[in-house]
Every structure is written in C-alpha cells, then in structure tokens.
Protein backbone atom coordinates (compact mmCIF):
# COMPACT_ATOMS: atom_id res chain seq x y z
CA MET A 1 -21.69 -75.41 -29.52
CA ASP A 2 -18.71 -73.26 -30.48
CA SER A 3 -16.01 -75.63 -31.78
CA ASN A 4 -13.34 -73.54 -29.99
CA ALA A 5 -15.03 -73.50 -26.56
CA VAL A 6 -13.07 -75.30 -23.84
CA VAL A 7 -14.11 -77.02 -20.64
CA THR A 8 -12.38 -75.93 -17.43
CA ASN A 9 -10.82 -78.44 -15.06
CA SER A 10 -10.92 -78.71 -11.29
CA PHE A 11 -9.26 -75.97 -9.24
CA GLY A 12 -6.41 -78.40 -8.49
CA ASP A 13 -5.52 -78.84 -12.18
CA ASN A 14 -3.40 -76.71 -14.52
CA TRP A 15 -0.76 -75.78 -11.95
CA TYR A 16 2.93 -75.50 -12.80
CA GLY A 17 6.28 -74.72 -11.16
CA GLN A 18 9.27 -72.78 -12.51
CA VAL A 19 12.98 -72.70 -11.65
CA GLY A 20 15.34 -70.31 -13.40
CA LEU A 21 18.33 -67.97 -13.46
CA ASP A 22 18.30 -64.30 -14.39
CA VAL A 23 20.27 -61.14 -14.95
CA SER A 24 18.90 -57.78 -13.76
CA LEU A 25 19.99 -54.38 -15.01
CA PHE A 26 19.26 -51.58 -12.54
CA ASN A 27 18.53 -48.15 -13.96
CA HIS A 28 18.73 -45.67 -11.08
CA TYR A 29 17.01 -42.31 -11.16
CA GLY A 30 19.52 -39.70 -12.31
CA LYS A 31 22.08 -42.24 -13.60
CA ASP A 32 23.24 -42.73 -17.18
CA VAL A 33 21.78 -45.98 -18.52
CA LYS A 34 24.91 -46.65 -20.61
CA ASP A 35 26.77 -47.39 -17.36
CA VAL A 36 24.31 -50.06 -16.26
CA PHE A 37 26.49 -53.09 -17.11
CA SER A 38 29.39 -52.02 -14.94
CA ASN A 39 27.38 -50.54 -12.05
CA GLY A 40 23.84 -51.95 -12.03
CA GLN A 41 24.12 -55.55 -13.21
CA SER A 42 23.23 -58.41 -10.86
CA PHE A 43 22.48 -62.15 -11.11
CA GLY A 44 19.93 -64.23 -9.27
CA VAL A 45 17.70 -67.28 -8.97
CA ASN A 46 13.94 -67.49 -9.46
CA LEU A 47 11.16 -69.75 -8.22
CA ALA A 48 7.52 -69.52 -9.30
CA LEU A 49 4.21 -71.31 -8.85
CA GLY A 50 1.36 -70.64 -11.26
CA LYS A 51 -2.03 -71.78 -12.45
CA TRP A 52 -3.95 -71.39 -15.71
CA PHE A 53 -7.62 -70.82 -14.90
CA THR A 54 -8.50 -70.99 -18.59
CA ASN A 55 -6.40 -71.32 -21.72
CA VAL A 56 -6.37 -67.48 -21.85
CA PHE A 57 -5.96 -66.33 -18.23
CA GLY A 58 -3.55 -67.40 -15.48
CA PHE A 59 -1.97 -66.22 -12.25
CA ARG A 60 1.60 -66.72 -11.02
CA GLY A 61 3.45 -66.02 -7.78
CA ASN A 62 7.22 -65.37 -7.95
CA PHE A 63 10.21 -65.37 -5.60
CA LYS A 64 13.45 -63.81 -6.83
CA TRP A 65 16.75 -63.65 -4.89
CA GLU A 66 19.23 -61.33 -6.54
CA ASN A 67 22.93 -60.71 -5.83
CA GLY A 68 22.90 -63.35 -3.11
CA ILE A 69 24.04 -66.80 -4.29
CA LEU A 70 25.34 -65.22 -7.49
CA ASN A 71 26.94 -61.82 -7.02
CA ASN A 72 28.50 -58.92 -8.84
CA GLU A 73 31.00 -57.12 -6.62
CA ASN A 74 31.17 -54.20 -9.05
CA ALA A 75 27.44 -53.36 -8.86
CA THR A 76 27.93 -50.01 -7.12
CA TRP A 77 24.39 -48.85 -7.88
CA LEU A 78 23.00 -51.58 -5.60
CA GLY A 79 24.53 -49.99 -2.50
CA ASN A 80 24.25 -52.29 0.51
CA ALA A 81 22.15 -54.83 -1.41
CA ASP A 82 25.40 -56.67 -2.10
CA ASN A 83 26.40 -60.29 -1.71
CA LYS A 84 27.89 -60.04 1.79
CA HIS A 85 24.66 -58.45 3.06
CA GLY A 86 22.38 -61.00 1.36
CA GLY A 87 21.46 -59.08 -1.77
CA TYR A 88 17.79 -58.28 -2.32
CA ILE A 89 14.54 -60.23 -2.70
CA VAL A 90 11.52 -59.56 -4.91
CA ILE A 91 8.17 -61.21 -4.10
CA SER A 92 5.58 -60.59 -6.81
CA ALA A 93 2.45 -61.80 -8.58
CA ASP A 94 1.61 -61.78 -12.31
CA ALA A 95 -1.72 -61.84 -14.16
CA LEU A 96 -0.93 -63.74 -17.40
CA ILE A 97 -2.84 -63.32 -20.66
CA ASN A 98 -2.04 -65.95 -23.32
CA VAL A 99 -1.83 -64.01 -26.59
CA HIS A 100 -1.96 -67.15 -28.76
CA HIS A 101 -5.27 -68.24 -27.24
CA LEU A 102 -6.79 -64.77 -27.01
CA SER A 103 -8.60 -65.22 -30.33
CA GLY A 104 -10.47 -68.19 -28.85
CA TYR A 105 -8.64 -70.99 -30.63
CA TYR A 106 -7.16 -73.59 -28.27
CA ASP A 107 -4.51 -76.08 -29.41
CA ALA A 108 -3.37 -78.53 -26.73
CA ASP A 109 -0.38 -79.55 -28.89
CA ARG A 110 1.03 -76.06 -29.41
CA LYS A 111 4.78 -75.96 -28.77
CA TRP A 112 5.41 -72.22 -28.38
CA THR A 113 3.14 -69.89 -26.44
CA LEU A 114 3.45 -66.17 -25.81
CA SER A 115 1.86 -64.40 -22.84
CA ILE A 116 1.96 -60.85 -21.49
CA PHE A 117 1.52 -59.86 -17.86
CA PRO A 118 1.35 -56.93 -15.44
CA ARG A 119 3.26 -57.49 -12.18
CA MET A 120 2.84 -56.22 -8.63
CA GLY A 121 4.83 -56.98 -5.52
CA ALA A 122 7.48 -55.83 -3.06
CA LEU A 123 11.28 -55.57 -3.04
CA ILE A 124 13.20 -56.16 0.19
CA ASN A 125 16.81 -54.99 0.55
CA ASN A 126 18.51 -57.48 2.90
CA GLY A 127 21.34 -55.03 3.53
CA ASN A 128 19.27 -52.29 5.19
CA LYS A 129 16.02 -54.20 5.79
CA GLU A 130 14.05 -51.67 3.76
CA GLY A 131 11.38 -52.37 1.19
CA SER A 132 9.56 -50.83 -1.75
CA PRO A 133 6.43 -51.53 -3.79
CA VAL A 134 7.15 -53.00 -7.23
CA LEU A 135 5.17 -52.50 -10.43
CA GLY A 136 6.10 -54.20 -13.68
CA LEU A 137 5.13 -55.27 -17.18
CA GLY A 138 6.54 -58.32 -18.94
CA VAL A 139 6.47 -60.96 -21.65
CA HIS A 140 6.45 -64.72 -20.91
CA ASN A 141 7.51 -67.27 -23.57
CA THR A 142 7.40 -71.06 -23.23
CA TYR A 143 8.56 -73.84 -25.53
CA ARG A 144 7.25 -77.33 -24.75
CA MET A 145 9.82 -80.16 -24.68
CA ASN A 146 7.45 -82.99 -23.70
CA ASP A 147 4.13 -83.53 -21.89
CA LYS A 148 5.52 -82.23 -18.59
CA LEU A 149 8.53 -79.99 -19.27
CA SER A 150 8.96 -76.67 -21.05
CA ILE A 151 11.71 -74.10 -21.39
CA TYR A 152 10.63 -70.56 -20.53
CA GLY A 153 12.02 -67.07 -20.98
CA ASP A 154 10.71 -63.88 -19.34
CA ILE A 155 11.58 -60.24 -19.95
CA THR A 156 10.16 -57.79 -17.40
CA TYR A 157 10.66 -54.11 -16.61
CA HIS A 158 10.03 -53.07 -12.99
CA PHE A 159 9.52 -49.71 -11.27
CA ILE A 160 10.45 -49.25 -7.60
CA SER A 161 11.21 -46.44 -5.14
CA SER A 162 14.45 -45.75 -3.24
CA ALA A 163 14.88 -48.87 -1.11
CA ILE A 164 17.63 -50.45 -3.20
CA GLY A 165 20.41 -47.89 -2.78
CA THR A 166 20.36 -44.37 -4.16
CA SER A 167 17.27 -42.20 -3.76
CA SER A 168 14.59 -41.85 -6.37
CA GLY A 169 12.89 -38.64 -7.32
CA THR A 170 9.48 -37.92 -5.89
CA GLY A 171 6.81 -40.07 -7.50
CA LYS A 172 7.50 -40.20 -11.21
CA GLY A 173 11.29 -40.07 -10.79
CA SER A 174 11.43 -43.75 -9.82
CA ASN A 175 14.21 -46.28 -10.08
CA GLY A 176 13.71 -49.22 -12.42
CA PHE A 177 15.27 -52.48 -13.47
CA LEU A 178 15.08 -54.80 -16.45
CA ASP A 179 15.01 -58.51 -15.63
CA ILE A 180 15.79 -61.32 -18.11
CA ASN A 181 14.90 -64.74 -16.70
CA VAL A 182 15.28 -68.21 -18.29
CA GLY A 183 14.65 -71.65 -16.87
CA VAL A 184 12.56 -74.80 -16.78
CA LEU A 185 8.80 -75.04 -16.32
CA MET A 186 7.20 -78.26 -15.04
CA ASP A 187 3.49 -79.08 -15.20
CA LEU A 188 2.08 -80.30 -11.89
CA GLY A 189 -0.60 -82.94 -12.43
CA TYR A 190 -3.17 -82.60 -15.21
CA ASN A 191 -2.41 -79.56 -17.36
CA LYS A 192 -4.55 -79.56 -20.47
CA PHE A 193 -7.96 -78.18 -21.26
CA SER A 194 -10.53 -80.02 -23.36
CA LYS A 195 -12.57 -78.69 -26.25
CA ALA A 196 -16.22 -78.79 -25.29
CA SER A 197 -17.11 -80.30 -28.68
CA GLU A 198 -14.72 -83.25 -28.22
CA ARG A 199 -14.91 -84.33 -24.61
CA PRO A 200 -17.59 -84.51 -21.89
CA ILE A 201 -17.23 -82.39 -18.78
CA ARG A 202 -15.25 -84.31 -16.13
CA TYR A 203 -15.87 -82.28 -12.98
CA ARG A 204 -18.96 -81.11 -11.14
CA HIS A 205 -17.48 -77.60 -10.83
CA ALA A 206 -16.38 -77.39 -14.49
CA VAL A 207 -17.92 -74.90 -16.91
CA VAL A 208 -17.87 -74.29 -20.67
CA THR A 209 -15.90 -71.11 -21.38
CA ASN A 210 -17.35 -68.29 -23.43
CA SER A 211 -16.00 -66.00 -26.09
CA PHE A 212 -13.40 -63.43 -25.02
CA TRP A 213 -16.08 -60.77 -25.53
CA ASP A 214 -18.49 -62.34 -23.05
CA ASN A 215 -18.62 -61.86 -19.27
CA TRP A 216 -17.70 -58.17 -19.21
CA PHE A 217 -19.15 -55.70 -16.72
CA LEU A 218 -19.18 -52.00 -15.84
CA GLN A 219 -19.20 -50.45 -12.35
CA ALA A 220 -19.96 -46.95 -11.09
CA GLY A 221 -20.12 -45.80 -7.48
CA ILE A 222 -19.22 -43.34 -4.76
CA GLY A 223 -16.69 -43.79 -2.01
CA MET A 224 -14.76 -42.50 0.97
CA SER A 225 -10.98 -42.66 1.41
CA LEU A 226 -9.06 -42.37 4.68
CA LEU A 227 -5.46 -41.26 4.14
CA ASN A 228 -2.84 -42.68 6.50
CA PRO A 229 0.50 -40.84 5.99
CA TYR A 230 3.69 -42.26 7.41
CA GLY A 231 4.23 -40.92 10.94
CA ALA A 232 0.68 -39.57 11.38
CA ASN A 233 -1.75 -40.79 14.04
CA PHE A 234 -4.59 -42.59 12.25
CA ALA A 235 -6.92 -41.63 15.12
CA ASN A 236 -6.86 -38.10 13.66
CA VAL A 237 -7.95 -39.19 10.18
CA PHE A 238 -11.24 -37.27 10.61
CA PRO A 239 -11.08 -34.62 9.20
CA ASN A 240 -7.33 -34.46 8.39
CA GLY A 241 -7.29 -37.42 6.02
CA LYS A 242 -10.88 -38.06 4.93
CA SER A 243 -12.03 -37.49 1.36
CA LEU A 244 -15.09 -38.35 -0.74
CA GLY A 245 -15.16 -39.24 -4.40
CA ILE A 246 -16.42 -41.32 -7.31
CA ASN A 247 -15.13 -44.55 -8.85
CA MET A 248 -15.63 -46.35 -12.14
CA GLY A 249 -14.48 -49.71 -13.42
CA ILE A 250 -14.63 -52.14 -16.31
CA GLY A 251 -13.90 -55.83 -15.86
CA LYS A 252 -14.09 -59.31 -17.29
CA TRP A 253 -14.56 -62.73 -15.71
CA PHE A 254 -12.48 -65.28 -17.59
CA LEU A 255 -14.28 -68.01 -15.67
CA PRO A 256 -16.39 -68.01 -12.47
CA GLU A 257 -13.31 -68.20 -10.24
CA ALA A 258 -11.06 -65.48 -11.71
CA GLY A 259 -11.13 -62.22 -13.63
CA LEU A 260 -9.62 -58.75 -14.06
CA ARG A 261 -10.92 -55.24 -13.39
CA ALA A 262 -9.48 -51.88 -14.45
CA GLY A 263 -10.64 -49.00 -12.28
CA PHE A 264 -10.45 -45.25 -11.79
CA ASN A 265 -11.00 -43.39 -8.49
CA TRP A 266 -11.33 -39.59 -8.22
CA GLN A 267 -11.19 -38.25 -4.66
CA ASN A 268 -11.63 -34.75 -3.20
CA GLY A 269 -12.62 -33.36 -6.58
CA ILE A 270 -16.38 -33.09 -7.13
CA ILE A 271 -17.00 -33.36 -3.38
CA GLY A 272 -14.31 -31.55 -1.42
CA ASN A 273 -13.04 -31.58 2.15
CA ASP A 274 -11.64 -28.11 2.88
CA TYR A 275 -10.24 -29.37 6.19
CA ILE A 276 -8.09 -32.17 4.80
CA ARG A 277 -4.46 -31.54 5.83
CA TRP A 278 -2.63 -34.80 5.17
CA ILE A 279 -2.44 -34.24 1.41
CA ASP A 280 -2.49 -30.41 1.29
CA THR A 281 -0.28 -27.55 2.23
CA GLU A 282 -0.58 -27.06 6.00
CA ASN A 283 -1.54 -23.37 5.84
CA ASN A 284 -4.00 -23.83 2.97
CA PRO A 285 -5.93 -27.06 3.63
CA GLY A 286 -8.46 -26.43 0.86
CA SER A 287 -5.88 -26.18 -1.90
CA ASN A 288 -6.06 -29.85 -2.95
CA HIS A 289 -9.79 -29.63 -3.63
CA ASP A 290 -9.31 -26.37 -5.53
CA ALA A 291 -6.64 -28.03 -7.68
CA GLY A 292 -8.82 -31.03 -8.57
CA GLY A 293 -8.15 -33.51 -5.75
CA TYR A 294 -6.27 -36.74 -6.32
CA VAL A 295 -6.85 -39.73 -8.58
CA ALA A 296 -5.86 -43.40 -8.82
CA ALA A 297 -5.88 -45.73 -11.82
CA TYR A 298 -5.46 -49.43 -11.05
CA LEU A 299 -5.81 -53.05 -12.11
CA ASP A 300 -7.33 -55.69 -9.80
CA VAL A 301 -7.04 -59.48 -10.13
CA PHE A 302 -10.38 -60.92 -8.96
CA PHE A 303 -10.75 -64.28 -7.20
CA ASN A 304 -14.33 -65.33 -6.45
CA ALA A 305 -14.15 -67.28 -3.17
CA HIS A 306 -17.68 -68.67 -3.54
CA SER A 307 -16.96 -70.16 -6.97
CA ILE A 308 -13.51 -71.48 -5.96
CA PHE A 309 -14.77 -73.37 -2.92
CA CYS A 310 -18.45 -74.04 -3.76
CA GLY A 311 -18.52 -74.20 -7.56
CA TYR A 312 -20.36 -72.02 -10.05
CA ASP A 313 -24.07 -71.39 -9.49
CA VAL A 314 -25.84 -69.18 -12.05
CA ASP A 315 -28.56 -68.43 -9.48
CA ARG A 316 -26.23 -67.37 -6.66
CA ASN A 317 -27.12 -63.86 -5.50
CA TRP A 318 -24.20 -63.04 -3.17
CA ASN A 319 -20.54 -63.42 -4.15
CA ALA A 320 -17.43 -62.70 -2.05
CA ILE A 321 -14.33 -61.64 -4.00
CA VAL A 322 -10.74 -60.91 -2.94
CA PHE A 323 -8.16 -59.10 -5.07
CA PRO A 324 -4.60 -57.77 -5.13
CA ARG A 325 -4.28 -54.30 -6.72
CA MET A 326 -1.59 -52.51 -8.69
CA GLY A 327 -1.64 -49.04 -10.19
CA LEU A 328 -0.64 -45.38 -10.01
CA ASP A 329 -2.01 -42.47 -8.00
CA SER A 330 -1.59 -38.76 -8.65
CA ASN A 331 -1.96 -35.61 -6.56
CA THR A 332 -3.27 -33.02 -9.04
CA GLU A 333 -2.10 -30.18 -6.79
CA ILE A 334 1.58 -31.03 -7.32
CA GLY A 335 1.25 -32.75 -10.72
CA ASP A 336 3.06 -35.93 -9.68
CA TYR A 337 2.28 -39.64 -9.51
CA SER A 338 3.32 -42.59 -7.35
CA PRO A 339 3.20 -46.42 -7.56
CA LEU A 340 0.29 -48.07 -5.77
CA VAL A 341 -0.17 -51.64 -4.50
CA GLY A 342 -3.02 -52.92 -2.38
CA LEU A 343 -5.26 -55.74 -1.20
CA GLY A 344 -9.04 -55.66 -1.07
CA THR A 345 -12.36 -57.45 -1.00
CA GLU A 346 -15.54 -56.94 -3.00
CA GLN A 347 -19.03 -58.14 -2.14
CA THR A 348 -21.74 -58.23 -4.83
CA PHE A 349 -25.47 -58.87 -4.51
CA LYS A 350 -27.53 -59.66 -7.61
CA LEU A 351 -30.66 -57.53 -8.11
CA ASN A 352 -31.65 -59.05 -11.47
CA ASP A 353 -30.06 -60.78 -14.48
CA LYS A 354 -28.07 -57.66 -15.42
CA THR A 355 -27.57 -55.56 -12.29
CA LYS A 356 -25.74 -56.03 -8.99
CA LEU A 357 -24.93 -53.89 -5.98
CA TYR A 358 -21.28 -53.91 -4.90
CA ILE A 359 -19.17 -52.74 -1.99
CA ASP A 360 -15.35 -52.62 -1.99
CA VAL A 361 -12.95 -52.23 0.92
CA THR A 362 -9.27 -51.83 -0.09
CA TYR A 363 -6.07 -50.84 1.71
CA GLN A 364 -3.39 -49.39 -0.55
CA PHE A 365 0.29 -48.50 -0.08
CA THR A 366 1.92 -45.63 -1.90
CA THR A 367 5.07 -43.50 -1.78
CA SER A 368 5.65 -39.82 -1.01
CA GLY A 369 4.62 -38.47 -4.40
CA LEU A 370 0.95 -38.52 -3.37
CA MET A 371 1.20 -36.83 0.05
CA ASP A 372 3.84 -34.26 -0.70
CA LYS A 373 3.88 -32.73 2.79
CA GLU A 374 4.19 -36.05 4.59
CA ASN A 375 7.21 -37.88 3.18
CA THR A 376 7.42 -41.61 3.69
CA GLY A 377 10.07 -43.28 5.73
CA PRO A 378 12.61 -45.52 4.00
CA GLY A 379 11.10 -48.19 1.76
CA ALA A 380 8.54 -50.23 3.65
CA ASN A 381 7.38 -47.31 5.85
CA SER A 382 5.04 -46.11 3.12
CA ASN A 383 1.96 -43.95 3.15
CA GLY A 384 -1.33 -45.78 2.88
CA TRP A 385 -5.01 -45.19 2.42
CA LEU A 386 -8.17 -47.14 3.14
CA ASP A 387 -10.78 -46.91 0.38
CA ILE A 388 -14.48 -47.83 0.79
CA ASN A 389 -16.74 -47.79 -2.31
CA ILE A 390 -20.37 -48.70 -2.98
CA GLY A 391 -22.19 -48.67 -6.30
CA VAL A 392 -23.94 -50.53 -9.10
CA GLN A 393 -22.52 -53.13 -11.49
CA PHE A 394 -24.01 -53.69 -14.96
CA ASP A 395 -23.34 -56.86 -16.96
CA LEU A 396 -22.52 -56.30 -20.64
CA GLY A 397 -24.04 -58.89 -22.96
CA LYS A 398 -23.78 -62.52 -21.93
CA ASN A 399 -22.48 -62.98 -18.42
CA TRP A 400 -22.80 -66.62 -17.37
CA TRP A 401 -21.33 -70.01 -18.31
CA GLY A 402 -22.53 -73.40 -19.51
CA LYS A 403 -22.68 -76.23 -16.98
CA PRO A 404 -22.67 -80.07 -17.15
CA GLY A 405 -25.85 -81.33 -18.76
CA VAL A 406 -26.43 -78.18 -20.78
CA GLN A 407 -28.35 -77.66 -23.95
CA ARG A 408 -27.74 -75.14 -26.68
CA VAL A 409 -30.25 -72.32 -27.09
CA LYS A 410 -30.17 -68.97 -28.87
CA GLY A 411 -27.07 -69.60 -30.94
CA SER A 412 -24.02 -70.02 -28.73
CA GLU A 413 -25.71 -69.44 -25.36
CA PHE A 414 -26.15 -72.22 -22.82
CA ARG A 415 -28.71 -72.77 -20.09
CA VAL A 416 -28.89 -75.42 -17.40
CA GLN A 417 -31.44 -78.10 -18.20
CA ASP A 418 -34.41 -78.52 -15.85
C-alpha cells in the first residue's frame, strides 16, 4: 500500500465554518484603478461553510455582506449599493485545491496550508435590487492555532457585470473587485484524515484514495442548445434559438463523491442553423454560422448523488451527478466573451470497465456579450441557454478506489476481496 494514501471519512466529517472581515476594492470598467481607495473601497463581513472531501479537494459556500454593517460613505463607484440602502451581498461557492497536499503527501500536523480556488456565484445590489453573475479566482491560507481553530486569509479577484453601479462594457469590458478577507476558521466535528498504512478504515462508505494522477476521464459528445434571450418568448425557441454542436471534457474524481470537469462546447459551427435569429443579426440570420458559431469553456464541480447517499460501489452501472458551472462564452461573430454560470445534472451508464455513456442537461446564465442583438435587462435579468449533450466517457488509467477489506494486487492497485 502507498504510504501516503489516506482513508476518507464519513460524509459528515471534515466540515468547517468561517467568520471574517474584509476590504473590497472595486475596479469599474473605464475608471482609473489609482482612484480605487477613495472611490471604490468598501468593508464587510463574511460567513462560510466548507468541507474537505479529501486532503486535496474541498468545497466551500460563502456569504459576504459588503458596505452594510461597515460602510464607506465616500465609495462613489458603488452607486446606490451604499450603507443606507443596505450595501450589496455576494453569495458564492469555491472549489478548493490544497497545494501542499497535491503531491500526495498528507501531514495531519501541518500548521500552514495553502489552497487555490475558482469561484462562482451571484452579486445582489440591495439598493436597486439588481444582480449579476460573479466569477473569481483566489488563494486561501490557513494557520492552525490548536486542534479546532485556525486563522485564515483569502485574496480573491472577482469579475461581474453592471449591477453594482456604473455600466460595464459588453462582455469582456467587465467590472471587477479585489477582496481581502481575514478571520477565524473552526473545525466542526472530526476533521482529520488517516493514512491508510497507519489506521484501519472506520466507516462502511470510506475508501482508500488514489494518486493524483488516477481517476481521470475524457468525454466527447454532441448536443443541442436552446437560447433564451432576455425579453424573448421561449415558445419561439424553434428555430430562432436552437443550435447543434459538439462538446469535449476532461475530468478527475478526487473520491467517489466529488470531482471536477473542464469542458468545451462549440455550437452552430460544424452543424449550422441558418434560421437562428436570437444570436445573429436580424436581417442575416445565417451570419453566426458563417462566422464560426459560438463557444463556451467552463469548469464543473461534480457531486455524485449515488455515492454520497449510498456509498461507493465499484460495480454500480448508473450514477446520477449534479454540478454547478462557471466559465466564459464567446460569440465568434462579434469577437466578444461573457461570464457564464449554471447548474446541471449528468447521468452516466457503464458499458464496460473503461467506457460509459453520458447525458448532460444544464441551464446557464450569461450577459449581453453573447447575444449582441438581444441585450439583457439590468443585472439579474440575464440571457440564458439550456444545453443538452450526449456522448461517450473514457476512463484514463486506474479509475476506482480501494474499499474496506481490500488486498493489494498489481503494485498499488486495490480490489475488493471475495
């Protein structure tokens, strides 16, 4: 057995809570960043609840209230997101990757840990009741004080649209803000993993984790998207908003319950719809196909519902997965891109030890940079599109975990004993 392999705990273990204070520096589209401290600075409070699925991969939900309890009356760039109107709120989710443990070495007594994370979510301006999708990238540092308490510090840069005050440019001309957050992190219940070589497996649903390079997969398929611009009647989506395309993805399961997938979707390119009007110029509906269609690149955080609620079964053929999505989409006709957030489900059916069929259904929200003719309404009244994909998934190398009562075979691989 690999001396660095760890045993996972029950789903109820390895949770933590965070409480902190922050300062945010808004960088509006078209504004000079050197003026940010006098015009775009705000203060707020943060709450978070997270879970480490393995010593490498975790997930965290965040609630941030800015310029509400703590205010900056000189923050002119925040418009009506000021203190007397309740400031603004950010609700987001992070997929955390522990850089210290990425090499496979786990040390339960480590004091300082460094993690990186992509972020997706929504911003709500309490002053005008508008909203915007949020995309971000950050760094999470913790320093352990005792068995239950740690000090943490986060630095995150976010991209949003025009909901906060002044308008953003179309698509790529987005507003942004830098957030610096410090506070206290408290472990909730049992919050350590065990090395498989040192401790027996405690839970029926526990598994022995693999190397970082195990449990990867590739996907390739075809799909149909149904565009839903702001203000358009979805009953007219055929043929005004229907497109066909291809999708590809690469992913990794960190354990049977959770993983990540990076994907790419190309619509209205190889297979065109010359009647599509909700993304094209009205008097030339075939122009988007002629220009190459539209594309989306995204990251999904996978949660396997079967494994979470029923435990891991190497012989299970059907798996139901849910995922939040974050990414960017681009209309090649106008050469622009827009933030993208979504929520979806994937169903997989195993054909053999290496191959599965999959089907995805995802609804995504985007801004006006994708559908140039159909501008979005303010903030939350965003364009959207429903995406349906089917295809084949191929496992790369080893793609299963050890279970209680396992024996070692073929080097570091594990199989369930008869």
